[in-house]
Amino acid sequence: MSDCVFCRPADDLLAGNELAIAFPAGFPVSPGHALIVPRRHEPDFFSLTVEEQAAVIALVNPVRARLDRDFGPDAYNLGVNAGKAAGQTILHTHLHVIPRYAGDVAEPRGGVRWVLPETARYW
């Protein structure tokens, strides 16, 4: 789709394969935040073919290696917002690879559970 920002060729690829590419996030939440997207425009992660899903996941470790080298984070969050109610704003499937750094938040325990703050604290 010509109006999709993720369908335009990226100049700064971090990794790629036949079915997916990875590049720095346009609005990073932390230094090194990257996105992995299927080459085919598909809004819904669950509507990707099994091969496309595997291709997206296959880029996680190469992206992590690159971010480890370039940014030296202490940990990572991985996430897919699948649908508007889940917070998806760009309707082209994308997996976030978010580097985390010791002390970047006061209490990191719970990680992605904080998308619903009222139920995040389970301890």
PDB file of N, CA and C in Angstrom:
ATOM      1  N   MET A   1       0.850  -1.180   0.000  1.00  0.00           N
ATOM      2  CA  MET A   1       0.000   0.000   0.000  1.00  0.00           C
ATOM      3  C   MET A   1       0.891   1.237   0.000  1.00  0.00           C
ATOM      4  N   SER A   2       0.669   2.136  -0.919  1.00  0.00           N
ATOM      5  CA  SER A   2       1.542   3.284  -1.083  1.00  0.00           C
ATOM      6  C   SER A   2       1.464   4.270   0.079  1.00  0.00           C
ATOM      7  N   ASP A   3       0.366   4.305   0.830  1.00  0.00           N
ATOM      8  CA  ASP A   3       0.257   5.253   1.931  1.00  0.00           C
ATOM      9  C   ASP A   3       0.697   4.668   3.277  1.00  0.00           C
ATOM     10  N   CYS A   4       1.154   3.447   3.298  1.00  0.00           N
ATOM     11  CA  CYS A   4       1.613   2.800   4.530  1.00  0.00           C
ATOM     12  C   CYS A   4       3.098   3.096   4.735  1.00  0.00           C
ATOM     13  N   VAL A   5       3.425   3.682   5.879  1.00  0.00           N
ATOM     14  CA  VAL A   5       4.812   4.036   6.179  1.00  0.00           C
ATOM     15  C   VAL A   5       5.711   2.801   6.229  1.00  0.00           C
ATOM     16  N   PHE A   6       5.178   1.649   6.582  1.00  0.00           N
ATOM     17  CA  PHE A   6       5.994   0.439   6.660  1.00  0.00           C
ATOM     18  C   PHE A   6       6.147  -0.260   5.311  1.00  0.00           C
ATOM     19  N   CYS A   7       5.372   0.153   4.316  1.00  0.00           N
ATOM     20  CA  CYS A   7       5.490  -0.439   2.980  1.00  0.00           C
ATOM     21  C   CYS A   7       6.510   0.302   2.109  1.00  0.00           C
ATOM     22  N   ARG A   8       6.981   1.447   2.587  1.00  0.00           N
ATOM     23  CA  ARG A   8       7.996   2.196   1.845  1.00  0.00           C
ATOM     24  C   ARG A   8       9.356   1.581   2.109  1.00  0.00           C
ATOM     25  N   PRO A   9      10.227   1.576   1.111  1.00  0.00           N
ATOM     26  CA  PRO A   9      11.572   1.021   1.343  1.00  0.00           C
ATOM     27  C   PRO A   9      12.299   1.777   2.452  1.00  0.00           C
ATOM     28  N   ALA A  10      12.902   1.033   3.354  1.00  0.00           N
ATOM     29  CA  ALA A  10      13.653   1.640   4.459  1.00  0.00           C
ATOM     30  C   ALA A  10      15.121   1.771   4.072  1.00  0.00           C
ATOM     31  N   ASP A  11      15.716   2.896   4.407  1.00  0.00           N
ATOM     32  CA  ASP A  11      17.125   3.127   4.101  1.00  0.00           C
ATOM     33  C   ASP A  11      18.045   2.534   5.165  1.00  0.00           C
ATOM     34  N   ASP A  12      17.532   2.352   6.344  1.00  0.00           N
ATOM     35  CA  ASP A  12      18.364   1.973   7.485  1.00  0.00           C
ATOM     36  C   ASP A  12      17.992   0.592   8.040  1.00  0.00           C
ATOM     37  N   LEU A  13      18.024  -0.418   7.193  1.00  0.00           N
ATOM     38  CA  LEU A  13      17.657  -1.771   7.630  1.00  0.00           C
ATOM     39  C   LEU A  13      18.653  -2.297   8.661  1.00  0.00           C
ATOM     40  N   LEU A  14      18.114  -2.951   9.681  1.00  0.00           N
ATOM     41  CA  LEU A  14      18.933  -3.621  10.681  1.00  0.00           C
ATOM     42  C   LEU A  14      19.129  -5.084  10.328  1.00  0.00           C
ATOM     43  N   ALA A  15      18.134  -5.667   9.660  1.00  0.00           N
ATOM     44  CA  ALA A  15      18.173  -7.083   9.278  1.00  0.00           C
ATOM     45  C   ALA A  15      17.032  -7.319   8.294  1.00  0.00           C
ATOM     46  N   GLY A  16      17.091  -8.437   7.619  1.00  0.00           N
ATOM     47  CA  GLY A  16      16.022  -8.775   6.694  1.00  0.00           C
ATOM     48  C   GLY A  16      16.120 -10.202   6.225  1.00  0.00           C
ATOM     49  N   ASN A  17      15.018 -10.693   5.726  1.00  0.00           N
ATOM     50  CA  ASN A  17      14.979 -11.996   5.073  1.00  0.00           C
ATOM     51  C   ASN A  17      13.955 -11.886   3.943  1.00  0.00           C
ATOM     52  N   GLU A  18      13.623 -12.991   3.340  1.00  0.00           N
ATOM     53  CA  GLU A  18      12.728 -12.965   2.177  1.00  0.00           C
ATOM     54  C   GLU A  18      11.351 -12.381   2.491  1.00  0.00           C
ATOM     55  N   LEU A  19      10.859 -12.585   3.729  1.00  0.00           N
ATOM     56  CA  LEU A  19       9.482 -12.208   4.060  1.00  0.00           C
ATOM     57  C   LEU A  19       9.341 -11.082   5.085  1.00  0.00           C
ATOM     58  N   ALA A  20      10.460 -10.625   5.663  1.00  0.00           N
ATOM     59  CA  ALA A  20      10.367  -9.603   6.710  1.00  0.00           C
ATOM     60  C   ALA A  20      11.616  -8.731   6.733  1.00  0.00           C
ATOM     61  N   ILE A  21      11.453  -7.531   7.296  1.00  0.00           N
ATOM     62  CA  ILE A  21      12.576  -6.613   7.471  1.00  0.00           C
ATOM     63  C   ILE A  21      12.516  -6.001   8.864  1.00  0.00           C
ATOM     64  N   ALA A  22      13.657  -5.460   9.299  1.00  0.00           N
ATOM     65  CA  ALA A  22      13.737  -4.789  10.594  1.00  0.00           C
ATOM     66  C   ALA A  22      14.446  -3.456  10.415  1.00  0.00           C
ATOM     67  N   PHE A  23      13.961  -2.449  11.145  1.00  0.00           N
ATOM     68  CA  PHE A  23      14.533  -1.110  11.050  1.00  0.00           C
ATOM     69  C   PHE A  23      14.276  -0.359  12.356  1.00  0.00           C
ATOM     70  N   PRO A  24      15.003   0.726  12.597  1.00  0.00           N
ATOM     71  CA  PRO A  24      14.780   1.502  13.820  1.00  0.00           C
ATOM     72  C   PRO A  24      13.371   2.087  13.861  1.00  0.00           C
ATOM     73  N   ALA A  25      12.785   2.125  15.043  1.00  0.00           N
ATOM     74  CA  ALA A  25      11.457   2.709  15.224  1.00  0.00           C
ATOM     75  C   ALA A  25      11.519   4.214  14.985  1.00  0.00           C
ATOM     76  N   GLY A  26      10.487   4.745  14.345  1.00  0.00           N
ATOM     77  CA  GLY A  26      10.414   6.173  14.090  1.00  0.00           C
ATOM     78  C   GLY A  26      10.175   6.992  15.347  1.00  0.00           C
ATOM     79  N   PHE A  27       9.521   6.397  16.319  1.00  0.00           N
ATOM     80  CA  PHE A  27       9.231   7.065  17.588  1.00  0.00           C
ATOM     81  C   PHE A  27       9.668   6.131  18.718  1.00  0.00           C
ATOM     82  N   PRO A  28      10.978   6.004  18.929  1.00  0.00           N
ATOM     83  CA  PRO A  28      11.488   5.021  19.891  1.00  0.00           C
ATOM     84  C   PRO A  28      11.108   5.346  21.332  1.00  0.00           C
ATOM     85  N   VAL A  29      10.794   4.299  22.083  1.00  0.00           N
ATOM     86  CA  VAL A  29      10.519   4.471  23.507  1.00  0.00           C
ATOM     87  C   VAL A  29      11.789   4.326  24.340  1.00  0.00           C
ATOM     88  N   SER A  30      12.840   3.792  23.732  1.00  0.00           N
ATOM     89  CA  SER A  30      14.145   3.691  24.381  1.00  0.00           C
ATOM     90  C   SER A  30      15.206   3.692  23.279  1.00  0.00           C
ATOM     91  N   PRO A  31      16.445   4.001  23.625  1.00  0.00           N
ATOM     92  CA  PRO A  31      17.505   3.964  22.620  1.00  0.00           C
ATOM     93  C   PRO A  31      17.637   2.565  22.007  1.00  0.00           C
ATOM     94  N   GLY A  32      17.554   2.488  20.688  1.00  0.00           N
ATOM     95  CA  GLY A  32      17.679   1.229  19.971  1.00  0.00           C
ATOM     96  C   GLY A  32      16.362   0.561  19.609  1.00  0.00           C
ATOM     97  N   HIS A  33      15.245   1.073  20.080  1.00  0.00           N
ATOM     98  CA  HIS A  33      13.927   0.488  19.787  1.00  0.00           C
ATOM     99  C   HIS A  33      13.832   0.204  18.287  1.00  0.00           C
ATOM    100  N   ALA A  34      13.495  -1.027  17.950  1.00  0.00           N
ATOM    101  CA  ALA A  34      13.405  -1.448  16.548  1.00  0.00           C
ATOM    102  C   ALA A  34      12.056  -2.097  16.273  1.00  0.00           C
ATOM    103  N   LEU A  35      11.708  -2.140  14.999  1.00  0.00           N
ATOM    104  CA  LEU A  35      10.483  -2.793  14.548  1.00  0.00           C
ATOM    105  C   LEU A  35      10.831  -3.861  13.531  1.00  0.00           C
ATOM    106  N   ILE A  36      10.123  -4.975  13.596  1.00  0.00           N
ATOM    107  CA  ILE A  36      10.229  -6.040  12.606  1.00  0.00           C
ATOM    108  C   ILE A  36       8.867  -6.147  11.942  1.00  0.00           C
ATOM    109  N   VAL A  37       8.842  -6.052  10.616  1.00  0.00           N
ATOM    110  CA  VAL A  37       7.570  -6.056   9.891  1.00  0.00           C
ATOM    111  C   VAL A  37       7.617  -7.060   8.749  1.00  0.00           C
ATOM    112  N   PRO A  38       6.472  -7.667   8.436  1.00  0.00           N
ATOM    113  CA  PRO A  38       6.437  -8.510   7.232  1.00  0.00           C
ATOM    114  C   PRO A  38       6.514  -7.616   6.001  1.00  0.00           C
ATOM    115  N   ARG A  39       7.111  -8.120   4.952  1.00  0.00           N
ATOM    116  CA  ARG A  39       7.197  -7.343   3.704  1.00  0.00           C
ATOM    117  C   ARG A  39       5.809  -7.135   3.094  1.00  0.00           C
ATOM    118  N   ARG A  40       4.935  -8.125   3.250  1.00  0.00           N
ATOM    119  CA  ARG A  40       3.576  -8.008   2.728  1.00  0.00           C
ATOM    120  C   ARG A  40       2.743  -7.168   3.677  1.00  0.00           C
ATOM    121  N   HIS A  41       1.978  -6.259   3.130  1.00  0.00           N
ATOM    122  CA  HIS A  41       1.100  -5.437   3.960  1.00  0.00           C
ATOM    123  C   HIS A  41      -0.054  -6.298   4.482  1.00  0.00           C
ATOM    124  N   GLU A  42      -0.069  -6.453   5.793  1.00  0.00           N
ATOM    125  CA  GLU A  42      -1.148  -7.180   6.463  1.00  0.00           C
ATOM    126  C   GLU A  42      -1.306  -6.571   7.844  1.00  0.00           C
ATOM    127  N   PRO A  43      -2.464  -6.004   8.142  1.00  0.00           N
ATOM    128  CA  PRO A  43      -2.659  -5.373   9.445  1.00  0.00           C
ATOM    129  C   PRO A  43      -2.624  -6.332  10.636  1.00  0.00           C
ATOM    130  N   ASP A  44      -3.111  -7.546  10.463  1.00  0.00           N
ATOM    131  CA  ASP A  44      -3.331  -8.458  11.582  1.00  0.00           C
ATOM    132  C   ASP A  44      -2.254  -9.536  11.657  1.00  0.00           C
ATOM    133  N   PHE A  45      -1.493  -9.543  12.761  1.00  0.00           N
ATOM    134  CA  PHE A  45      -0.458 -10.559  12.962  1.00  0.00           C
ATOM    135  C   PHE A  45      -1.029 -11.964  12.769  1.00  0.00           C
ATOM    136  N   PHE A  46      -2.237 -12.189  13.231  1.00  0.00           N
ATOM    137  CA  PHE A  46      -2.836 -13.520  13.180  1.00  0.00           C
ATOM    138  C   PHE A  46      -3.293 -13.905  11.779  1.00  0.00           C
ATOM    139  N   SER A  47      -3.316 -12.943  10.860  1.00  0.00           N
ATOM    140  CA  SER A  47      -3.652 -13.244   9.467  1.00  0.00           C
ATOM    141  C   SER A  47      -2.422 -13.454   8.599  1.00  0.00           C
ATOM    142  N   LEU A  48      -1.238 -13.270   9.168  1.00  0.00           N
ATOM    143  CA  LEU A  48      -0.026 -13.591   8.426  1.00  0.00           C
ATOM    144  C   LEU A  48       0.031 -15.093   8.203  1.00  0.00           C
ATOM    145  N   THR A  49       0.699 -15.508   7.146  1.00  0.00           N
ATOM    146  CA  THR A  49       0.912 -16.938   6.964  1.00  0.00           C
ATOM    147  C   THR A  49       1.859 -17.428   8.054  1.00  0.00           C
ATOM    148  N   VAL A  50       1.877 -18.725   8.266  1.00  0.00           N
ATOM    149  CA  VAL A  50       2.801 -19.314   9.241  1.00  0.00           C
ATOM    150  C   VAL A  50       4.236 -18.965   8.854  1.00  0.00           C
ATOM    151  N   GLU A  51       4.514 -18.959   7.559  1.00  0.00           N
ATOM    152  CA  GLU A  51       5.856 -18.638   7.074  1.00  0.00           C
ATOM    153  C   GLU A  51       6.212 -17.176   7.371  1.00  0.00           C
ATOM    154  N   GLU A  52       5.243 -16.278   7.206  1.00  0.00           N
ATOM    155  CA  GLU A  52       5.493 -14.863   7.506  1.00  0.00           C
ATOM    156  C   GLU A  52       5.706 -14.644   9.007  1.00  0.00           C
ATOM    157  N   GLN A  53       4.889 -15.298   9.817  1.00  0.00           N
ATOM    158  CA  GLN A  53       5.086 -15.191  11.266  1.00  0.00           C
ATOM    159  C   GLN A  53       6.478 -15.694  11.645  1.00  0.00           C
ATOM    160  N   ALA A  54       6.883 -16.820  11.077  1.00  0.00           N
ATOM    161  CA  ALA A  54       8.205 -17.387  11.368  1.00  0.00           C
ATOM    162  C   ALA A  54       9.312 -16.449  10.898  1.00  0.00           C
ATOM    163  N   ALA A  55       9.110 -15.805   9.753  1.00  0.00           N
ATOM    164  CA  ALA A  55      10.116 -14.877   9.224  1.00  0.00           C
ATOM    165  C   ALA A  55      10.281 -13.668  10.133  1.00  0.00           C
ATOM    166  N   VAL A  56       9.182 -13.163  10.683  1.00  0.00           N
ATOM    167  CA  VAL A  56       9.250 -12.046  11.629  1.00  0.00           C
ATOM    168  C   VAL A  56      10.030 -12.480  12.869  1.00  0.00           C
ATOM    169  N   ILE A  57       9.660 -13.615  13.440  1.00  0.00           N
ATOM    170  CA  ILE A  57      10.332 -14.118  14.648  1.00  0.00           C
ATOM    171  C   ILE A  57      11.801 -14.433  14.367  1.00  0.00           C
ATOM    172  N   ALA A  58      12.109 -14.911  13.160  1.00  0.00           N
ATOM    173  CA  ALA A  58      13.490 -15.257  12.810  1.00  0.00           C
ATOM    174  C   ALA A  58      14.422 -14.048  12.858  1.00  0.00           C
ATOM    175  N   LEU A  59      13.873 -12.849  12.754  1.00  0.00           N
ATOM    176  CA  LEU A  59      14.719 -11.649  12.790  1.00  0.00           C
ATOM    177  C   LEU A  59      14.969 -11.137  14.205  1.00  0.00           C
ATOM    178  N   VAL A  60      14.297 -11.685  15.206  1.00  0.00           N
ATOM    179  CA  VAL A  60      14.473 -11.192  16.579  1.00  0.00           C
ATOM    180  C   VAL A  60      15.925 -11.329  17.030  1.00  0.00           C
ATOM    181  N   ASN A  61      16.525 -12.481  16.873  1.00  0.00           N
ATOM    182  CA  ASN A  61      17.898 -12.666  17.350  1.00  0.00           C
ATOM    183  C   ASN A  61      18.918 -11.845  16.573  1.00  0.00           C
ATOM    184  N   PRO A  62      18.828 -11.754  15.233  1.00  0.00           N
ATOM    185  CA  PRO A  62      19.767 -10.864  14.541  1.00  0.00           C
ATOM    186  C   PRO A  62      19.612  -9.393  14.959  1.00  0.00           C
ATOM    187  N   VAL A  63      18.377  -8.952  15.171  1.00  0.00           N
ATOM    188  CA  VAL A  63      18.158  -7.578  15.632  1.00  0.00           C
ATOM    189  C   VAL A  63      18.740  -7.409  17.033  1.00  0.00           C
ATOM    190  N   ARG A  64      18.487  -8.372  17.884  1.00  0.00           N
ATOM    191  CA  ARG A  64      19.040  -8.300  19.249  1.00  0.00           C
ATOM    192  C   ARG A  64      20.557  -8.219  19.210  1.00  0.00           C
ATOM    193  N   ALA A  65      21.202  -9.020  18.377  1.00  0.00           N
ATOM    194  CA  ALA A  65      22.663  -8.982  18.288  1.00  0.00           C
ATOM    195  C   ALA A  65      23.152  -7.599  17.861  1.00  0.00           C
ATOM    196  N   ARG A  66      22.471  -7.011  16.909  1.00  0.00           N
ATOM    197  CA  ARG A  66      22.848  -5.675  16.434  1.00  0.00           C
ATOM    198  C   ARG A  66      22.646  -4.626  17.533  1.00  0.00           C
ATOM    199  N   LEU A  67      21.514  -4.705  18.244  1.00  0.00           N
ATOM    200  CA  LEU A  67      21.247  -3.748  19.309  1.00  0.00           C
ATOM    201  C   LEU A  67      22.187  -3.945  20.493  1.00  0.00           C
ATOM    202  N   ASP A  68      22.517  -5.208  20.795  1.00  0.00           N
ATOM    203  CA  ASP A  68      23.505  -5.475  21.846  1.00  0.00           C
ATOM    204  C   ASP A  68      24.824  -4.780  21.504  1.00  0.00           C
ATOM    205  N   ARG A  69      25.259  -4.910  20.274  1.00  0.00           N
ATOM    206  CA  ARG A  69      26.517  -4.314  19.822  1.00  0.00           C
ATOM    207  C   ARG A  69      26.455  -2.790  19.846  1.00  0.00           C
ATOM    208  N   ASP A  70      25.365  -2.228  19.326  1.00  0.00           N
ATOM    209  CA  ASP A  70      25.286  -0.778  19.153  1.00  0.00           C
ATOM    210  C   ASP A  70      24.841  -0.019  20.404  1.00  0.00           C
ATOM    211  N   PHE A  71      24.048  -0.659  21.278  1.00  0.00           N
ATOM    212  CA  PHE A  71      23.460   0.059  22.407  1.00  0.00           C
ATOM    213  C   PHE A  71      23.761  -0.560  23.771  1.00  0.00           C
ATOM    214  N   GLY A  72      24.090  -1.848  23.821  1.00  0.00           N
ATOM    215  CA  GLY A  72      24.418  -2.504  25.078  1.00  0.00           C
ATOM    216  C   GLY A  72      23.323  -2.500  26.127  1.00  0.00           C
ATOM    217  N   PRO A  73      22.067  -2.806  25.762  1.00  0.00           N
ATOM    218  CA  PRO A  73      21.002  -2.817  26.779  1.00  0.00           C
ATOM    219  C   PRO A  73      21.178  -3.969  27.768  1.00  0.00           C
ATOM    220  N   ASP A  74      20.441  -3.866  28.856  1.00  0.00           N
ATOM    221  CA  ASP A  74      20.478  -4.897  29.891  1.00  0.00           C
ATOM    222  C   ASP A  74      19.425  -5.983  29.694  1.00  0.00           C
ATOM    223  N   ALA A  75      18.370  -5.668  28.940  1.00  0.00           N
ATOM    224  CA  ALA A  75      17.258  -6.602  28.748  1.00  0.00           C
ATOM    225  C   ALA A  75      16.412  -6.113  27.576  1.00  0.00           C
ATOM    226  N   TYR A  76      15.327  -6.832  27.294  1.00  0.00           N
ATOM    227  CA  TYR A  76      14.440  -6.481  26.181  1.00  0.00           C
ATOM    228  C   TYR A  76      12.990  -6.755  26.537  1.00  0.00           C
ATOM    229  N   ASN A  77      12.100  -5.986  25.925  1.00  0.00           N
ATOM    230  CA  ASN A  77      10.685  -6.324  25.834  1.00  0.00           C
ATOM    231  C   ASN A  77      10.388  -6.551  24.363  1.00  0.00           C
ATOM    232  N   LEU A  78       9.596  -7.573  24.076  1.00  0.00           N
ATOM    233  CA  LEU A  78       9.112  -7.846  22.725  1.00  0.00           C
ATOM    234  C   LEU A  78       7.601  -7.715  22.768  1.00  0.00           C
ATOM    235  N   GLY A  79       7.020  -7.112  21.718  1.00  0.00           N
ATOM    236  CA  GLY A  79       5.577  -6.985  21.750  1.00  0.00           C
ATOM    237  C   GLY A  79       4.952  -6.732  20.408  1.00  0.00           C
ATOM    238  N   VAL A  80       3.733  -7.230  20.261  1.00  0.00           N
ATOM    239  CA  VAL A  80       2.913  -6.992  19.082  1.00  0.00           C
ATOM    240  C   VAL A  80       1.573  -6.477  19.570  1.00  0.00           C
ATOM    241  N   ASN A  81       1.169  -5.309  19.079  1.00  0.00           N
ATOM    242  CA  ASN A  81      -0.168  -4.786  19.339  1.00  0.00           C
ATOM    243  C   ASN A  81      -1.038  -5.269  18.179  1.00  0.00           C
ATOM    244  N   ALA A  82      -1.859  -6.238  18.426  1.00  0.00           N
ATOM    245  CA  ALA A  82      -2.664  -6.863  17.364  1.00  0.00           C
ATOM    246  C   ALA A  82      -4.099  -6.353  17.441  1.00  0.00           C
ATOM    247  N   GLY A  83      -4.365  -5.256  16.742  1.00  0.00           N
ATOM    248  CA  GLY A  83      -5.693  -4.667  16.703  1.00  0.00           C
ATOM    249  C   GLY A  83      -5.765  -3.340  17.431  1.00  0.00           C
ATOM    250  N   LYS A  84      -6.714  -2.524  17.026  1.00  0.00           N
ATOM    251  CA  LYS A  84      -6.859  -1.183  17.598  1.00  0.00           C
ATOM    252  C   LYS A  84      -7.101  -1.219  19.104  1.00  0.00           C
ATOM    253  N   ALA A  85      -7.913  -2.150  19.580  1.00  0.00           N
ATOM    254  CA  ALA A  85      -8.204  -2.226  21.015  1.00  0.00           C
ATOM    255  C   ALA A  85      -6.959  -2.589  21.826  1.00  0.00           C
ATOM    256  N   ALA A  86      -5.959  -3.174  21.160  1.00  0.00           N
ATOM    257  CA  ALA A  86      -4.701  -3.511  21.818  1.00  0.00           C
ATOM    258  C   ALA A  86      -3.683  -2.382  21.700  1.00  0.00           C
ATOM    259  N   GLY A  87      -4.069  -1.291  21.046  1.00  0.00           N
ATOM    260  CA  GLY A  87      -3.175  -0.151  20.920  1.00  0.00           C
ATOM    261  C   GLY A  87      -2.484  -0.022  19.579  1.00  0.00           C
ATOM    262  N   GLN A  88      -2.810  -0.868  18.616  1.00  0.00           N
ATOM    263  CA  GLN A  88      -2.176  -0.786  17.301  1.00  0.00           C
ATOM    264  C   GLN A  88      -2.627   0.491  16.589  1.00  0.00           C
ATOM    265  N   THR A  89      -1.668   1.320  16.184  1.00  0.00           N
ATOM    266  CA  THR A  89      -1.998   2.572  15.508  1.00  0.00           C
ATOM    267  C   THR A  89      -1.584   2.575  14.049  1.00  0.00           C
ATOM    268  N   ILE A  90      -0.568   1.798  13.697  1.00  0.00           N
ATOM    269  CA  ILE A  90      -0.184   1.649  12.295  1.00  0.00           C
ATOM    270  C   ILE A  90      -0.664   0.269  11.864  1.00  0.00           C
ATOM    271  N   LEU A  91      -1.564   0.256  10.896  1.00  0.00           N
ATOM    272  CA  LEU A  91      -2.224  -0.992  10.529  1.00  0.00           C
ATOM    273  C   LEU A  91      -1.415  -1.777   9.496  1.00  0.00           C
ATOM    274  N   HIS A  92      -0.196  -2.088   9.890  1.00  0.00           N
ATOM    275  CA  HIS A  92       0.696  -3.025   9.206  1.00  0.00           C
ATOM    276  C   HIS A  92       1.371  -3.756  10.355  1.00  0.00           C
ATOM    277  N   THR A  93       1.239  -5.072  10.401  1.00  0.00           N
ATOM    278  CA  THR A  93       1.795  -5.848  11.502  1.00  0.00           C
ATOM    279  C   THR A  93       3.229  -5.414  11.792  1.00  0.00           C
ATOM    280  N   HIS A  94       3.542  -5.247  13.071  1.00  0.00           N
ATOM    281  CA  HIS A  94       4.917  -4.958  13.459  1.00  0.00           C
ATOM    282  C   HIS A  94       5.178  -5.476  14.868  1.00  0.00           C
ATOM    283  N   LEU A  95       6.372  -6.018  15.029  1.00  0.00           N
ATOM    284  CA  LEU A  95       6.825  -6.523  16.314  1.00  0.00           C
ATOM    285  C   LEU A  95       7.845  -5.533  16.865  1.00  0.00           C
ATOM    286  N   HIS A  96       7.600  -5.051  18.073  1.00  0.00           N
ATOM    287  CA  HIS A  96       8.516  -4.126  18.726  1.00  0.00           C
ATOM    288  C   HIS A  96       9.621  -4.906  19.425  1.00  0.00           C
ATOM    289  N   VAL A  97      10.857  -4.491  19.229  1.00  0.00           N
ATOM    290  CA  VAL A  97      12.007  -4.989  19.977  1.00  0.00           C
ATOM    291  C   VAL A  97      12.501  -3.777  20.763  1.00  0.00           C
ATOM    292  N   ILE A  98      12.203  -3.772  22.059  1.00  0.00           N
ATOM    293  CA  ILE A  98      12.463  -2.597  22.886  1.00  0.00           C
ATOM    294  C   ILE A  98      13.588  -2.897  23.869  1.00  0.00           C
ATOM    295  N   PRO A  99      14.753  -2.292  23.646  1.00  0.00           N
ATOM    296  CA  PRO A  99      15.847  -2.460  24.605  1.00  0.00           C
ATOM    297  C   PRO A  99      15.477  -1.827  25.941  1.00  0.00           C
ATOM    298  N   ARG A 100      15.890  -2.474  27.007  1.00  0.00           N
ATOM    299  CA  ARG A 100      15.650  -1.961  28.356  1.00  0.00           C
ATOM    300  C   ARG A 100      16.984  -1.795  29.061  1.00  0.00           C
ATOM    301  N   TYR A 101      17.034  -0.815  29.916  1.00  0.00           N
ATOM    302  CA  TYR A 101      18.262  -0.449  30.604  1.00  0.00           C
ATOM    303  C   TYR A 101      18.005  -0.410  32.103  1.00  0.00           C
ATOM    304  N   ALA A 102      18.935  -0.962  32.872  1.00  0.00           N
ATOM    305  CA  ALA A 102      18.796  -0.950  34.330  1.00  0.00           C
ATOM    306  C   ALA A 102      18.548   0.481  34.788  1.00  0.00           C
ATOM    307  N   GLY A 103      17.467   0.671  35.547  1.00  0.00           N
ATOM    308  CA  GLY A 103      17.124   1.983  36.072  1.00  0.00           C
ATOM    309  C   GLY A 103      16.284   2.842  35.148  1.00  0.00           C
ATOM    310  N   ASP A 104      15.882   2.313  33.970  1.00  0.00           N
ATOM    311  CA  ASP A 104      15.076   3.143  33.054  1.00  0.00           C
ATOM    312  C   ASP A 104      13.671   3.410  33.593  1.00  0.00           C
ATOM    313  N   VAL A 105      13.195   2.578  34.490  1.00  0.00           N
ATOM    314  CA  VAL A 105      11.968   2.827  35.256  1.00  0.00           C
ATOM    315  C   VAL A 105      12.241   2.412  36.701  1.00  0.00           C
ATOM    316  N   ALA A 106      11.491   2.981  37.616  1.00  0.00           N
ATOM    317  CA  ALA A 106      11.727   2.708  39.036  1.00  0.00           C
ATOM    318  C   ALA A 106      11.511   1.234  39.379  1.00  0.00           C
ATOM    319  N   GLU A 107      10.481   0.619  38.822  1.00  0.00           N
ATOM    320  CA  GLU A 107      10.156  -0.785  39.128  1.00  0.00           C
ATOM    321  C   GLU A 107       9.763  -1.496  37.843  1.00  0.00           C
ATOM    322  N   PRO A 108      10.700  -2.226  37.229  1.00  0.00           N
ATOM    323  CA  PRO A 108      10.389  -2.886  35.964  1.00  0.00           C
ATOM    324  C   PRO A 108       9.582  -4.182  36.110  1.00  0.00           C
ATOM    325  N   ARG A 109       9.446  -4.672  37.325  1.00  0.00           N
ATOM    326  CA  ARG A 109       8.747  -5.940  37.527  1.00  0.00           C
ATOM    327  C   ARG A 109       7.340  -5.867  36.939  1.00  0.00           C
ATOM    328  N   GLY A 110       6.959  -6.903  36.213  1.00  0.00           N
ATOM    329  CA  GLY A 110       5.654  -6.943  35.567  1.00  0.00           C
ATOM    330  C   GLY A 110       5.737  -6.665  34.075  1.00  0.00           C
ATOM    331  N   GLY A 111       6.771  -5.927  33.644  1.00  0.00           N
ATOM    332  CA  GLY A 111       7.015  -5.691  32.221  1.00  0.00           C
ATOM    333  C   GLY A 111       5.776  -5.343  31.425  1.00  0.00           C
ATOM    334  N   VAL A 112       5.452  -6.166  30.449  1.00  0.00           N
ATOM    335  CA  VAL A 112       4.341  -5.878  29.538  1.00  0.00           C
ATOM    336  C   VAL A 112       2.980  -5.932  30.225  1.00  0.00           C
ATOM    337  N   ARG A 113       2.920  -6.457  31.424  1.00  0.00           N
ATOM    338  CA  ARG A 113       1.647  -6.467  32.156  1.00  0.00           C
ATOM    339  C   ARG A 113       1.140  -5.056  32.401  1.00  0.00           C
ATOM    340  N   TRP A 114       2.016  -4.052  32.335  1.00  0.00           N
ATOM    341  CA  TRP A 114       1.622  -2.679  32.628  1.00  0.00           C
ATOM    342  C   TRP A 114       0.787  -2.054  31.527  1.00  0.00           C
ATOM    343  N   VAL A 115       0.486  -2.782  30.455  1.00  0.00           N
ATOM    344  CA  VAL A 115      -0.437  -2.237  29.454  1.00  0.00           C
ATOM    345  C   VAL A 115      -1.830  -2.081  30.062  1.00  0.00           C
ATOM    346  N   LEU A 116      -2.116  -2.833  31.101  1.00  0.00           N
ATOM    347  CA  LEU A 116      -3.357  -2.687  31.881  1.00  0.00           C
ATOM    348  C   LEU A 116      -2.943  -2.431  33.334  1.00  0.00           C
ATOM    349  N   PRO A 117      -2.641  -1.178  33.677  1.00  0.00           N
ATOM    350  CA  PRO A 117      -2.065  -0.865  34.986  1.00  0.00           C
ATOM    351  C   PRO A 117      -2.859  -1.381  36.178  1.00  0.00           C
ATOM    352  N   GLU A 118      -4.182  -1.417  36.078  1.00  0.00           N
ATOM    353  CA  GLU A 118      -4.999  -1.842  37.214  1.00  0.00           C
ATOM    354  C   GLU A 118      -4.747  -3.301  37.607  1.00  0.00           C
ATOM    355  N   THR A 119      -4.313  -4.116  36.666  1.00  0.00           N
ATOM    356  CA  THR A 119      -4.090  -5.531  36.964  1.00  0.00           C
ATOM    357  C   THR A 119      -2.615  -5.941  36.844  1.00  0.00           C
ATOM    358  N   ALA A 120      -1.741  -4.993  36.634  1.00  0.00           N
ATOM    359  CA  ALA A 120      -0.329  -5.317  36.411  1.00  0.00           C
ATOM    360  C   ALA A 120       0.343  -5.899  37.636  1.00  0.00           C
ATOM    361  N   ARG A 121       0.075  -5.323  38.783  1.00  0.00           N
ATOM    362  CA  ARG A 121       0.765  -5.741  40.005  1.00  0.00           C
ATOM    363  C   ARG A 121       0.125  -7.020  40.540  1.00  0.00           C
ATOM    364  N   TYR A 122       0.784  -8.120  40.301  1.00  0.00           N
ATOM    365  CA  TYR A 122       0.263  -9.422  40.722  1.00  0.00           C
ATOM    366  C   TYR A 122       0.971  -9.955  41.955  1.00  0.00           C
ATOM    367  N   TRP A 123       1.994  -9.292  42.417  1.00  0.00           N
ATOM    368  CA  TRP A 123       2.762  -9.747  43.564  1.00  0.00           C
ATOM    369  C   TRP A 123       2.283  -9.122  44.848  1.00  0.00           C
TER     370      TRP A 123
END
